[in-house]
Amino acid sequence: MKIIILGAGQVGAGLAFSLSHEHNDITVVDTDQQRLRELQDRLDIRGVAGYGSHPQVLIRAGIEDADMLVAVTNSDEVNMIACQVAYTLFKTPTRIARVRESEYLSHPELFETQHIPIDLLISPEQEVCKYIRRLIEYPGALQVLDFANGKAQVVAVRARSDGPLVGQQLSTLREHIPGDVDARVVAIFRDDKAIKFEGSTVIHRDDLMFFLAANQDIRVIMNELRQQEQPIKRIMLAGGGNIGSTLAKSLEFDYHVKLIERSPQRAREITEDLERAIILVGDCADVELLKEESIDRVDVFCALTNDDEANILSSMLAKKLGAGKVLTLINRPAYADLVEIELIDVAVSPRQITIGALLTRIRRGNIERVHSLRSGAAEAIEAVAKGNASTSNVVGQRIGELDLPPSAAIGGIVRGDKVIIAHDDIKIESDDHVILLVTDKHHIQAIEELFEVRDNVV
């Protein structure tokens, strides 16, 4: 597939990294020639310097025969105009744009084909807010990933020493949960590396376990892996930018929410848009302010400013002063891998969340949903089985008979409204939503090909 990416920032570079390893023809356009050179030194891509919305720049990038344009520059306007130019002048088949400004997003009619023709609109702030909300709803979870419109979920949990399964074989999970509840572990990471596992694998303290279950069964399974945690009541947000204010609006009717914002003017703007949340003007790393606002009684502290260092510092302070769970927004990939230590519970990467949303549209082979995991090294995928036994590699096959790559594991199938946990003898039917976790990105193409529909041979 020939793909043009506008913007060589964190999202654009991350997307180029993901796609260039999968036999795609990638061209990245950016005004920063030094950044393009650095990207070309690391990846097998083309770089074109210039403004992504200019027709001549797009021509130099190869827009005339491109399959897809992905506009993820820092400018909403450039992204939108680039999609308009690609559609009007070059009839580019697929156009994807990142748009952040709520003033645009509140008018979805703008993005219809007859106005600004964008096939997929990505709002990082909205994606991040949904992601954080899920983590708040499931105390103890490090990631909560929705599949099949929320009917099934993959949840990542760190096995702690107080959990009932630590030191026991994985097969004992079945013995601990009620008879009408089923789940499957789809991946285990130990010391940041995926390990091969089977029923006799002993669960170690600090193992990162990904398991799949029906939405209504998630809490029961989590209680087996960790000591049951108290429900969330009090939440403190640090940073009143787009993410902080949007999240406060989403949470204020369900929780007691306080938001700290440094700028008095921005604090006034947020106050006008919120009804119940309490807005505080100050520095989120001010120890006295945190103590005055009873940080030791806060169940969840979320550091959401645009400054990674400020987020990390305020999170560590909040945890040290007695906050319950700490979620920290980290933009730099290198930081995200380092900060999940004793004083920070969850590092939230907007880059990784956004790339997952983009990959959902870009993947071939009837891929319905993609979640990027472990800094992009792994993916959770929802693939739809299409065709019949003559045209499909999966329809009519039992799970145990599938030619899966070694790093892939099927967690379950969603058939209509029913979630079926994967077992070797289950036969896949047409229109089943198959949920997989792939721990090695080099095997993604094999998954795409597995779920592609062949021409019916007569």
Protein backbone atom coordinates (compact mmCIF):
# COMPACT_ATOMS: atom_id res chain seq x y z
CA MET A 1 0.00 0.00 0.00
CA LYS A 2 1.28 3.46 -0.88
CA ILE A 3 0.72 5.80 2.08
CA ILE A 4 1.62 9.48 2.52
CA ILE A 5 1.96 10.71 6.10
CA LEU A 6 1.83 14.45 6.72
CA GLY A 7 3.74 15.37 9.88
CA ALA A 8 6.92 13.83 11.28
CA GLY A 9 6.06 14.47 14.93
CA GLN A 10 5.57 11.75 17.51
CA VAL A 11 2.40 10.33 15.97
CA GLY A 12 3.60 10.61 12.36
CA ALA A 13 6.99 9.09 13.17
CA GLY A 14 5.41 6.34 15.25
CA LEU A 15 2.98 5.50 12.46
CA ALA A 16 5.79 5.48 9.90
CA PHE A 17 7.73 3.08 12.12
CA SER A 18 4.74 0.72 12.41
CA LEU A 19 3.89 0.72 8.71
CA SER A 20 7.38 0.71 7.20
CA HIS A 21 8.04 -2.70 8.75
CA GLU A 22 5.03 -4.17 6.94
CA HIS A 23 6.07 -3.83 3.28
CA ASN A 24 4.25 -0.53 2.71
CA ASP A 25 5.56 2.29 0.52
CA ILE A 26 5.75 5.19 3.01
CA THR A 27 6.43 8.87 2.30
CA VAL A 28 6.56 11.39 5.14
CA VAL A 29 6.05 15.13 4.52
CA ASP A 30 7.20 17.76 7.02
CA THR A 31 8.60 21.30 7.03
CA ASP A 32 11.47 20.24 9.31
CA GLN A 33 14.20 18.82 7.06
CA GLN A 34 16.39 17.76 9.99
CA ARG A 35 13.57 15.69 11.48
CA LEU A 36 12.97 14.06 8.10
CA ARG A 37 16.66 13.17 7.76
CA GLU A 38 16.67 11.58 11.22
CA LEU A 39 13.59 9.56 10.31
CA GLN A 40 15.09 8.43 7.00
CA ASP A 41 18.26 7.32 8.78
CA ARG A 42 16.19 4.95 10.95
CA LEU A 43 13.50 3.79 8.55
CA ASP A 44 13.09 2.70 4.93
CA ILE A 45 10.92 5.66 3.90
CA ARG A 46 10.96 8.69 1.60
CA GLY A 47 11.02 12.21 3.05
CA VAL A 48 9.62 15.30 1.33
CA ALA A 49 10.14 18.76 2.79
CA GLY A 50 7.28 21.25 2.51
CA TYR A 51 3.74 22.14 3.58
CA GLY A 52 1.49 19.12 3.40
CA SER A 53 -1.53 21.10 2.20
CA HIS A 54 0.25 22.48 -0.89
CA PRO A 55 -0.65 20.60 -4.12
CA GLN A 56 2.90 20.69 -5.52
CA VAL A 57 4.33 19.26 -2.30
CA LEU A 58 1.75 16.48 -2.39
CA ILE A 59 2.66 15.75 -6.03
CA ARG A 60 6.33 15.43 -5.07
CA ALA A 61 5.24 13.03 -2.35
CA GLY A 62 3.43 10.86 -4.90
CA ILE A 63 -0.19 11.74 -4.15
CA GLU A 64 -1.30 11.02 -7.75
CA ASP A 65 -1.15 7.26 -7.22
CA ALA A 66 -1.28 7.06 -3.41
CA ASP A 67 -3.76 4.73 -1.72
CA MET A 68 -4.05 6.76 1.45
CA LEU A 69 -3.28 10.16 2.97
CA VAL A 70 -2.79 10.39 6.74
CA ALA A 71 -2.65 14.03 7.92
CA VAL A 72 -1.26 14.27 11.47
CA THR A 73 0.55 17.62 11.51
CA ASN A 74 0.20 19.93 14.52
CA SER A 75 -2.25 22.11 12.58
CA ASP A 76 -5.91 21.10 12.32
CA GLU A 77 -6.33 23.47 9.41
CA VAL A 78 -3.42 22.00 7.42
CA ASN A 79 -4.76 18.49 8.04
CA MET A 80 -8.26 19.40 6.89
CA ILE A 81 -7.15 21.34 3.81
CA ALA A 82 -4.75 18.56 2.81
CA CYS A 83 -7.64 16.07 2.80
CA GLN A 84 -9.72 18.49 0.72
CA VAL A 85 -6.89 18.94 -1.79
CA ALA A 86 -6.23 15.19 -1.97
CA TYR A 87 -9.92 14.50 -2.67
CA THR A 88 -10.62 17.36 -5.09
CA LEU A 89 -7.44 17.32 -7.17
CA PHE A 90 -6.19 13.74 -6.92
CA LYS A 91 -9.16 11.56 -5.90
CA THR A 92 -7.07 9.87 -3.18
CA PRO A 93 -9.15 6.84 -2.09
CA THR A 94 -8.72 7.14 1.68
CA ARG A 95 -8.12 10.32 3.70
CA ILE A 96 -7.47 10.36 7.46
CA ALA A 97 -6.95 13.50 9.56
CA ARG A 98 -6.14 14.36 13.14
CA VAL A 99 -8.32 17.21 14.41
CA ARG A 100 -8.01 18.49 17.98
CA GLU A 101 -10.06 21.67 18.22
CA SER A 102 -13.43 21.06 19.85
CA GLU A 103 -14.94 23.96 17.88
CA TYR A 104 -14.51 21.84 14.74
CA LEU A 105 -15.40 18.51 16.35
CA SER A 106 -18.70 19.86 17.68
CA HIS A 107 -19.88 20.24 14.06
CA PRO A 108 -19.52 16.75 12.50
CA GLU A 109 -21.43 17.90 9.43
CA LEU A 110 -18.26 19.77 8.39
CA PHE A 111 -16.54 16.48 7.62
CA GLU A 112 -19.06 15.05 5.20
CA THR A 113 -17.87 14.35 1.65
CA GLN A 114 -19.54 17.41 0.14
CA HIS A 115 -17.71 19.72 2.58
CA ILE A 116 -14.38 18.50 4.00
CA PRO A 117 -14.04 14.90 2.76
CA ILE A 118 -12.36 13.03 5.62
CA ASP A 119 -12.94 9.27 5.86
CA LEU A 120 -11.62 8.90 9.40
CA LEU A 121 -11.41 11.73 11.92
CA ILE A 122 -9.01 11.16 14.82
CA SER A 123 -9.24 13.28 17.98
CA PRO A 124 -6.35 12.37 20.32
CA GLU A 125 -7.94 14.19 23.24
CA GLN A 126 -11.20 12.26 22.95
CA GLU A 127 -9.36 8.94 22.51
CA VAL A 128 -7.19 9.60 25.57
CA CYS A 129 -10.18 10.65 27.69
CA LYS A 130 -12.06 7.44 26.83
CA TYR A 131 -8.93 5.44 27.65
CA ILE A 132 -8.41 7.10 31.05
CA ARG A 133 -12.09 6.80 31.91
CA ARG A 134 -11.82 3.03 31.39
CA LEU A 135 -8.84 2.86 33.76
CA ILE A 136 -10.81 4.75 36.40
CA GLU A 137 -13.78 2.41 36.03
CA TYR A 138 -11.52 -0.62 36.61
CA PRO A 139 -9.22 0.06 39.59
CA GLY A 140 -6.11 -2.09 39.34
CA ALA A 141 -6.09 -2.31 35.53
CA LEU A 142 -3.12 -0.96 33.57
CA GLN A 143 -4.95 -1.13 30.24
CA VAL A 144 -8.59 -1.76 29.30
CA LEU A 145 -9.22 -2.44 25.61
CA ASP A 146 -12.70 -2.64 24.08
CA PHE A 147 -13.66 -5.01 21.28
CA ALA A 148 -16.90 -5.69 19.41
CA ASN A 149 -18.46 -2.44 20.65
CA GLY A 150 -17.56 -3.19 24.25
CA LYS A 151 -18.99 -6.72 24.41
CA ALA A 152 -15.53 -8.14 25.15
CA GLN A 153 -12.49 -6.57 26.76
CA VAL A 154 -8.81 -7.31 27.07
CA VAL A 155 -7.46 -6.10 30.41
CA ALA A 156 -3.84 -5.82 31.51
CA VAL A 157 -3.15 -6.44 35.20
CA ARG A 158 0.10 -6.56 37.13
CA ALA A 159 0.15 -9.65 39.35
CA ARG A 160 0.91 -8.44 42.88
CA SER A 161 2.15 -10.43 45.85
CA ASP A 162 -1.23 -10.02 47.58
CA GLY A 163 -3.05 -11.65 44.63
CA PRO A 164 -4.41 -15.17 45.13
CA LEU A 165 -2.74 -16.62 41.99
CA VAL A 166 0.86 -15.47 42.45
CA GLY A 167 3.07 -18.52 42.90
CA GLN A 168 0.44 -20.85 41.44
CA GLN A 169 0.03 -22.44 38.02
CA LEU A 170 -2.01 -20.58 35.42
CA SER A 171 -4.43 -23.51 35.18
CA THR A 172 -5.67 -22.78 38.71
CA LEU A 173 -7.45 -19.64 37.43
CA ARG A 174 -10.33 -21.89 36.36
CA GLU A 175 -10.64 -23.24 39.92
CA HIS A 176 -11.00 -19.80 41.51
CA ILE A 177 -13.73 -18.22 39.41
CA PRO A 178 -17.49 -19.01 39.41
CA GLY A 179 -18.69 -21.73 37.03
CA ASP A 180 -20.62 -19.33 34.79
CA VAL A 181 -17.59 -17.07 34.22
CA ASP A 182 -14.92 -17.81 31.61
CA ALA A 183 -11.72 -16.02 30.62
CA ARG A 184 -8.47 -16.65 28.79
CA VAL A 185 -4.98 -15.28 29.31
CA VAL A 186 -3.69 -14.17 25.90
CA ALA A 187 -0.23 -12.86 26.83
CA ILE A 188 2.18 -12.68 29.76
CA PHE A 189 5.07 -10.22 29.90
CA ARG A 190 7.85 -10.88 32.40
CA ASP A 191 10.70 -8.39 32.74
CA ASP A 192 9.23 -6.53 29.72
CA LYS A 193 9.46 -9.61 27.46
CA ALA A 194 6.61 -11.80 26.22
CA ILE A 195 6.98 -15.35 27.51
CA LYS A 196 5.59 -18.60 26.19
CA PHE A 197 3.06 -20.01 28.61
CA GLU A 198 0.76 -22.97 29.17
CA GLY A 199 -1.43 -24.26 31.96
CA SER A 200 1.56 -25.31 34.04
CA THR A 201 3.20 -21.83 33.86
CA VAL A 202 3.66 -20.42 37.37
CA ILE A 203 2.54 -16.82 37.82
CA HIS A 204 5.30 -14.60 39.21
CA ARG A 205 4.96 -11.43 41.17
CA ASP A 206 4.92 -8.39 38.81
CA ASP A 207 4.01 -10.47 35.75
CA LEU A 208 2.00 -8.31 33.34
CA MET A 209 -0.97 -10.42 32.29
CA PHE A 210 -3.38 -9.70 29.44
CA PHE A 211 -6.65 -11.60 29.70
CA LEU A 212 -9.88 -11.55 27.73
CA ALA A 213 -13.39 -11.92 29.08
CA ALA A 214 -16.92 -10.73 28.45
CA ASN A 215 -17.51 -7.19 29.68
CA GLN A 216 -19.68 -8.28 32.61
CA ASP A 217 -17.06 -10.80 33.84
CA ILE A 218 -14.00 -8.53 33.94
CA ARG A 219 -14.27 -7.49 37.59
CA VAL A 220 -14.62 -11.07 38.81
CA ILE A 221 -11.44 -12.12 36.98
CA MET A 222 -9.48 -9.08 38.17
CA ASN A 223 -10.27 -9.90 41.77
CA GLU A 224 -8.53 -13.25 41.29
CA LEU A 225 -5.32 -11.57 40.14
CA ARG A 226 -5.25 -8.74 42.67
CA GLN A 227 -6.62 -7.94 46.06
CA GLN A 228 -10.01 -6.26 45.61
CA GLU A 229 -9.71 -2.47 45.57
CA GLN A 230 -12.10 0.13 46.92
CA PRO A 231 -14.44 1.91 44.47
CA ILE A 232 -13.25 5.25 43.12
CA LYS A 233 -14.92 8.35 44.60
CA ARG A 234 -12.43 11.26 44.61
CA ILE A 235 -10.40 12.26 41.55
CA MET A 236 -7.84 15.05 41.14
CA LEU A 237 -6.75 16.21 37.68
CA ALA A 238 -3.57 18.22 37.10
CA GLY A 239 -3.72 20.35 33.98
CA GLY A 240 -6.66 22.15 32.41
CA GLY A 241 -5.78 21.73 28.75
CA ASN A 242 -8.02 19.99 26.23
CA ILE A 243 -7.55 16.57 27.82
CA GLY A 244 -7.94 17.75 31.41
CA SER A 245 -11.05 19.84 30.78
CA THR A 246 -12.70 17.20 28.59
CA LEU A 247 -12.02 14.49 31.16
CA ALA A 248 -13.36 16.67 33.99
CA LYS A 249 -16.58 17.21 32.05
CA SER A 250 -16.88 13.47 31.47
CA LEU A 251 -16.34 12.57 35.14
CA GLU A 252 -17.94 15.38 37.15
CA PHE A 253 -21.41 13.83 37.52
CA ASP A 254 -20.10 10.41 38.58
CA TYR A 255 -17.20 11.36 40.89
CA HIS A 256 -16.02 14.18 43.15
CA VAL A 257 -13.59 15.96 40.79
CA LYS A 258 -10.98 18.63 41.47
CA LEU A 259 -8.86 20.14 38.69
CA ILE A 260 -5.63 22.14 39.18
CA GLU A 261 -4.76 24.68 36.48
CA ARG A 262 -1.78 27.08 36.61
CA SER A 263 -3.26 29.82 34.39
CA PRO A 264 -5.99 31.97 36.04
CA GLN A 265 -7.42 32.85 32.62
CA ARG A 266 -7.62 29.22 31.53
CA ALA A 267 -9.14 28.31 34.90
CA ARG A 268 -11.93 30.86 34.34
CA GLU A 269 -12.60 29.44 30.87
CA ILE A 270 -12.86 25.89 32.25
CA THR A 271 -15.16 26.99 35.08
CA GLU A 272 -17.69 28.33 32.57
CA ASP A 273 -17.85 24.92 30.87
CA LEU A 274 -18.15 22.76 34.00
CA GLU A 275 -20.98 22.39 36.50
CA ARG A 276 -19.80 20.36 39.47
CA ALA A 277 -16.03 19.99 39.24
CA ILE A 278 -13.95 22.23 41.53
CA ILE A 279 -11.30 24.31 39.73
CA LEU A 280 -8.14 25.28 41.65
CA VAL A 281 -5.57 27.81 40.42
CA GLY A 282 -2.03 26.76 41.24
CA ASP A 283 0.97 24.56 40.54
CA CYS A 284 0.23 20.83 40.47
CA ALA A 285 3.71 20.19 41.95
CA ASP A 286 3.07 22.52 44.93
CA VAL A 287 3.31 20.28 48.00
CA GLU A 288 1.38 22.67 50.23
CA LEU A 289 -1.47 22.96 47.72
CA LEU A 290 -1.71 19.19 47.41
CA LYS A 291 -1.80 18.81 51.19
CA GLU A 292 -4.42 21.56 51.58
CA GLU A 293 -6.64 19.77 49.06
CA SER A 294 -6.35 16.48 50.99
CA ILE A 295 -4.29 14.59 48.45
CA ASP A 296 -4.11 11.67 50.90
CA ARG A 297 -7.86 11.14 50.44
CA VAL A 298 -7.76 11.21 46.61
CA ASP A 299 -8.47 7.83 44.99
CA VAL A 300 -7.05 8.73 41.56
CA PHE A 301 -4.57 11.46 40.63
CA CYS A 302 -4.19 12.18 36.88
CA ALA A 303 -1.30 14.35 35.66
CA LEU A 304 -2.42 15.69 32.27
CA THR A 305 -0.31 18.76 31.46
CA ASN A 306 1.67 19.15 28.21
CA ASP A 307 4.96 18.90 30.16
CA ASP A 308 6.20 15.33 30.72
CA GLU A 309 8.59 16.37 33.47
CA ALA A 310 5.87 18.28 35.34
CA ASN A 311 3.54 15.29 35.01
CA ILE A 312 6.13 12.87 36.38
CA LEU A 313 7.13 15.15 39.27
CA SER A 314 3.56 15.94 40.34
CA SER A 315 2.59 12.26 40.08
CA MET A 316 5.48 11.16 42.27
CA LEU A 317 4.63 13.85 44.81
CA ALA A 318 0.95 12.90 44.84
CA LYS A 319 1.78 9.23 45.36
CA LYS A 320 4.28 10.00 48.11
CA LEU A 321 1.70 12.21 49.86
CA GLY A 322 -0.87 9.42 49.93
CA ALA A 323 -2.86 9.48 46.68
CA GLY A 324 -4.32 6.11 45.69
CA LYS A 325 -3.81 5.36 42.00
CA VAL A 326 -1.65 7.67 39.87
CA LEU A 327 -2.09 8.05 36.09
CA THR A 328 0.56 10.05 34.24
CA LEU A 329 0.34 11.42 30.71
CA ILE A 330 3.68 10.80 28.97
CA ASN A 331 4.33 12.02 25.42
CA ARG A 332 7.94 10.91 24.99
CA PRO A 333 8.14 7.16 24.27
CA ALA A 334 11.45 6.81 26.14
CA TYR A 335 9.89 8.27 29.29
CA ALA A 336 6.83 6.03 29.08
CA ASP A 337 8.98 2.91 29.39
CA LEU A 338 10.80 4.22 32.45
CA VAL A 339 8.22 5.78 34.72
CA GLU A 340 6.01 2.84 35.68
CA ILE A 341 7.83 2.36 38.94
CA GLU A 342 6.68 2.19 42.54
CA LEU A 343 5.54 5.84 42.63
CA ILE A 344 3.65 5.89 39.29
CA ASP A 345 0.97 3.30 38.54
CA VAL A 346 0.11 3.86 34.87
CA ALA A 347 1.87 5.78 32.11
CA VAL A 348 -0.67 6.91 29.49
CA SER A 349 0.77 7.48 26.00
CA PRO A 350 -1.38 9.69 23.71
CA ARG A 351 0.93 8.71 20.85
CA GLN A 352 0.31 5.00 21.31
CA ILE A 353 -3.45 5.45 21.74
CA THR A 354 -3.69 7.60 18.59
CA ILE A 355 -1.57 5.20 16.52
CA GLY A 356 -3.86 2.34 17.54
CA ALA A 357 -6.88 4.28 16.28
CA LEU A 358 -5.10 5.01 13.00
CA LEU A 359 -3.97 1.41 12.47
CA THR A 360 -7.58 0.27 12.79
CA ARG A 361 -8.35 1.95 9.45
CA ILE A 362 -5.05 1.15 7.76
CA ARG A 363 -4.86 -2.59 8.43
CA ARG A 364 -5.89 -5.00 5.67
CA GLY A 365 -7.60 -8.38 5.96
CA ASN A 366 -10.95 -7.38 7.53
CA ILE A 367 -9.33 -5.89 10.62
CA GLU A 368 -12.02 -4.17 12.68
CA ARG A 369 -10.05 -2.79 15.64
CA VAL A 370 -6.39 -2.38 16.62
CA HIS A 371 -4.86 -1.45 19.96
CA SER A 372 -1.13 -0.69 20.07
CA LEU A 373 0.58 -2.21 23.13
CA ARG A 374 3.99 -2.22 24.81
CA SER A 375 5.22 0.95 23.05
CA GLY A 376 4.07 -0.42 19.70
CA ALA A 377 5.89 -3.75 19.99
CA ALA A 378 2.62 -5.72 20.30
CA GLU A 379 -0.96 -5.33 19.12
CA ALA A 380 -4.40 -6.50 20.20
CA ILE A 381 -6.50 -7.06 17.08
CA GLU A 382 -10.15 -7.66 16.30
CA ALA A 383 -10.51 -9.41 12.93
CA VAL A 384 -13.80 -10.33 11.26
CA ALA A 385 -14.09 -13.74 9.60
CA LYS A 386 -15.64 -13.24 6.15
CA GLY A 387 -16.55 -15.54 3.28
CA ASN A 388 -17.08 -19.28 3.51
CA ALA A 389 -15.04 -22.48 3.75
CA SER A 390 -14.02 -22.09 0.08
CA THR A 391 -12.91 -18.46 0.20
CA SER A 392 -11.61 -18.06 3.77
CA ASN A 393 -8.60 -19.46 5.63
CA VAL A 394 -10.51 -19.35 8.92
CA VAL A 395 -14.24 -19.90 8.32
CA GLY A 396 -15.13 -23.53 9.06
CA GLN A 397 -11.79 -24.11 10.79
CA ARG A 398 -11.33 -25.02 14.44
CA ILE A 399 -9.13 -22.65 16.43
CA GLY A 400 -6.64 -25.43 17.10
CA GLU A 401 -6.28 -26.04 13.33
CA LEU A 402 -5.43 -22.44 12.37
CA ASP A 403 -1.96 -21.68 11.05
CA LEU A 404 -1.23 -18.88 13.52
CA PRO A 405 2.21 -17.28 13.78
CA PRO A 406 4.07 -18.24 16.98
CA SER A 407 3.57 -14.85 18.65
CA ALA A 408 -0.22 -14.79 18.13
CA ALA A 409 -2.90 -16.10 20.47
CA ILE A 410 -6.67 -16.03 20.03
CA GLY A 411 -8.45 -14.91 23.18
CA GLY A 412 -12.03 -15.33 22.09
CA ILE A 413 -14.78 -14.88 19.54
CA VAL A 414 -17.74 -12.52 19.61
CA ARG A 415 -20.66 -14.10 17.76
CA GLY A 416 -23.64 -11.77 17.71
CA ASP A 417 -24.08 -10.73 21.36
CA LYS A 418 -22.30 -13.79 22.71
CA VAL A 419 -18.66 -13.84 23.85
CA ILE A 420 -17.05 -17.26 23.37
CA ILE A 421 -13.72 -17.78 25.11
CA ALA A 422 -11.25 -19.52 22.79
CA HIS A 423 -10.70 -23.28 23.02
CA ASP A 424 -9.03 -25.47 20.38
CA ASP A 425 -12.23 -27.27 19.35
CA ILE A 426 -14.33 -24.13 18.66
CA LYS A 427 -15.17 -23.74 14.97
CA ILE A 428 -15.08 -20.24 13.46
CA GLU A 429 -18.17 -19.11 11.56
CA SER A 430 -18.65 -16.33 9.02
CA ASP A 431 -19.04 -12.87 10.62
CA ASP A 432 -17.37 -13.97 13.87
CA HIS A 433 -15.25 -11.24 15.47
CA VAL A 434 -11.99 -12.94 16.41
CA ILE A 435 -9.86 -11.25 19.09
CA LEU A 436 -6.13 -11.89 18.99
CA LEU A 437 -3.03 -10.61 20.75
CA VAL A 438 0.18 -10.52 18.72
CA THR A 439 3.36 -9.96 20.73
CA ASP A 440 5.70 -9.61 17.71
CA LYS A 441 4.79 -6.99 15.10
CA HIS A 442 6.68 -8.89 12.42
CA HIS A 443 3.78 -11.36 12.37
CA ILE A 444 1.04 -8.77 11.75
CA GLN A 445 1.10 -9.30 7.99
CA ALA A 446 0.50 -13.04 8.50
CA ILE A 447 -2.63 -12.22 10.53
CA GLU A 448 -3.89 -9.84 7.84
CA GLU A 449 -3.39 -12.49 5.16
CA LEU A 450 -5.07 -15.15 7.31
CA PHE A 451 -8.30 -13.12 7.44
CA GLU A 452 -8.33 -11.97 3.82
CA VAL A 453 -11.05 -13.43 1.57
CA ARG A 454 -9.84 -15.29 -1.50
CA ASP A 455 -11.52 -15.29 -4.90
CA ASN A 456 -13.80 -18.30 -5.13
CA VAL A 457 -12.15 -20.89 -7.35
CA VAL A 458 -14.63 -22.76 -9.52
